[in-house]
Amino acid sequence: MRGHCEKRGNLWTVRYRDTLHAAGCHLVLASVGDNVMGQLTRTGALETIGPANVLPVEATLGTSLRAAVSRARELQGADTD
């Protein structure tokens, strides 16, 4: 059951990423814990989303979120080039 839920959850994430991508948007995940990162890796979702768009949890509160905002701005700038 665990593997089934894992795949379904990551399938939803990949579909959401695809929907955003079709609209010219990006998916950036912040504060991703080890378990979720492992799931994303095992199911191939990490490669689909893009490793640079999945930021791991950090010890200092807000660090991952600030990095995600920076990545989003970077992606936004790439879209206007």
Protein backbone atom coordinates (compact mmCIF):
# COMPACT_ATOMS: atom_id res chain seq x y z
CA MET A 1 0.00 0.00 0.00
CA ARG A 2 2.81 2.40 0.83
CA GLY A 3 4.33 2.17 -2.64
CA HIS A 4 0.90 2.64 -4.23
CA CYS A 5 0.20 5.84 -2.25
CA GLU A 6 3.73 7.04 -2.91
CA LYS A 7 3.30 6.65 -6.67
CA ARG A 8 -0.16 8.23 -6.67
CA GLY A 9 1.05 11.24 -4.70
CA ASN A 10 4.01 11.76 -6.97
CA LEU A 11 1.84 11.24 -10.05
CA TRP A 12 -0.35 14.08 -8.80
CA THR A 13 2.74 16.25 -8.30
CA VAL A 14 3.99 15.52 -11.81
CA ARG A 15 0.56 16.23 -13.32
CA TYR A 16 0.38 19.50 -11.40
CA ARG A 17 3.84 20.42 -12.66
CA ASP A 18 2.72 19.61 -16.22
CA THR A 19 -0.40 21.76 -15.83
CA LEU A 20 1.69 24.66 -14.54
CA HIS A 21 4.24 24.17 -17.31
CA ALA A 22 1.50 24.25 -19.97
CA ALA A 23 0.41 27.62 -18.55
CA GLY A 24 3.97 28.95 -18.65
CA CYS A 25 4.51 28.50 -14.91
CA HIS A 26 6.88 26.42 -12.79
CA LEU A 27 6.64 24.21 -9.73
CA VAL A 28 9.20 24.88 -7.01
CA LEU A 29 9.02 22.83 -3.80
CA ALA A 30 10.55 24.14 -0.57
CA SER A 31 11.47 22.43 2.70
CA VAL A 32 11.29 18.94 1.23
CA GLY A 33 12.15 16.38 3.89
CA ASP A 34 14.24 13.25 3.42
CA ASN A 35 11.25 10.91 3.11
CA VAL A 36 9.55 12.96 0.41
CA MET A 37 12.86 13.55 -1.38
CA GLY A 38 13.38 9.78 -1.40
CA GLN A 39 9.89 9.24 -2.81
CA LEU A 40 10.43 11.83 -5.51
CA THR A 41 13.74 10.21 -6.43
CA ARG A 42 12.42 6.61 -6.44
CA THR A 43 9.43 7.44 -8.59
CA GLY A 44 11.31 9.63 -11.09
CA ALA A 45 9.30 12.70 -10.14
CA LEU A 46 12.45 14.54 -9.04
CA GLU A 47 13.85 14.41 -12.57
CA THR A 48 10.51 15.53 -14.04
CA ILE A 49 10.17 18.49 -11.69
CA GLY A 50 13.87 19.27 -11.94
CA PRO A 51 16.32 18.81 -9.07
CA ALA A 52 17.01 22.56 -8.97
CA ASN A 53 13.29 23.11 -8.32
CA VAL A 54 13.13 20.85 -5.25
CA LEU A 55 14.80 22.43 -2.25
CA PRO A 56 15.53 20.31 0.82
CA VAL A 57 14.57 21.23 4.34
CA GLU A 58 17.24 23.30 6.11
CA ALA A 59 18.10 23.58 9.78
CA THR A 60 17.46 27.32 9.85
CA LEU A 61 13.81 28.25 9.51
CA GLY A 62 13.07 30.10 6.29
CA THR A 63 16.29 29.20 4.48
CA SER A 64 14.64 26.77 2.08
CA LEU A 65 11.75 29.14 1.42
CA ARG A 66 14.12 32.01 0.62
CA ALA A 67 16.02 29.72 -1.76
CA ALA A 68 12.72 28.70 -3.40
CA VAL A 69 11.73 32.34 -3.91
CA SER A 70 15.14 33.02 -5.41
CA ARG A 71 14.76 30.03 -7.74
CA ALA A 72 11.28 31.17 -8.76
CA ARG A 73 12.61 34.63 -9.61
CA GLU A 74 15.41 33.03 -11.58
CA LEU A 75 12.89 30.95 -13.55
CA GLN A 76 10.68 33.99 -14.09
CA GLY A 77 13.62 35.88 -15.54
CA ALA A 78 14.46 32.96 -17.83
CA ASP A 79 10.92 33.05 -19.18
CA THR A 80 11.26 36.67 -20.27
CA ASP A 81 14.52 36.19 -22.20
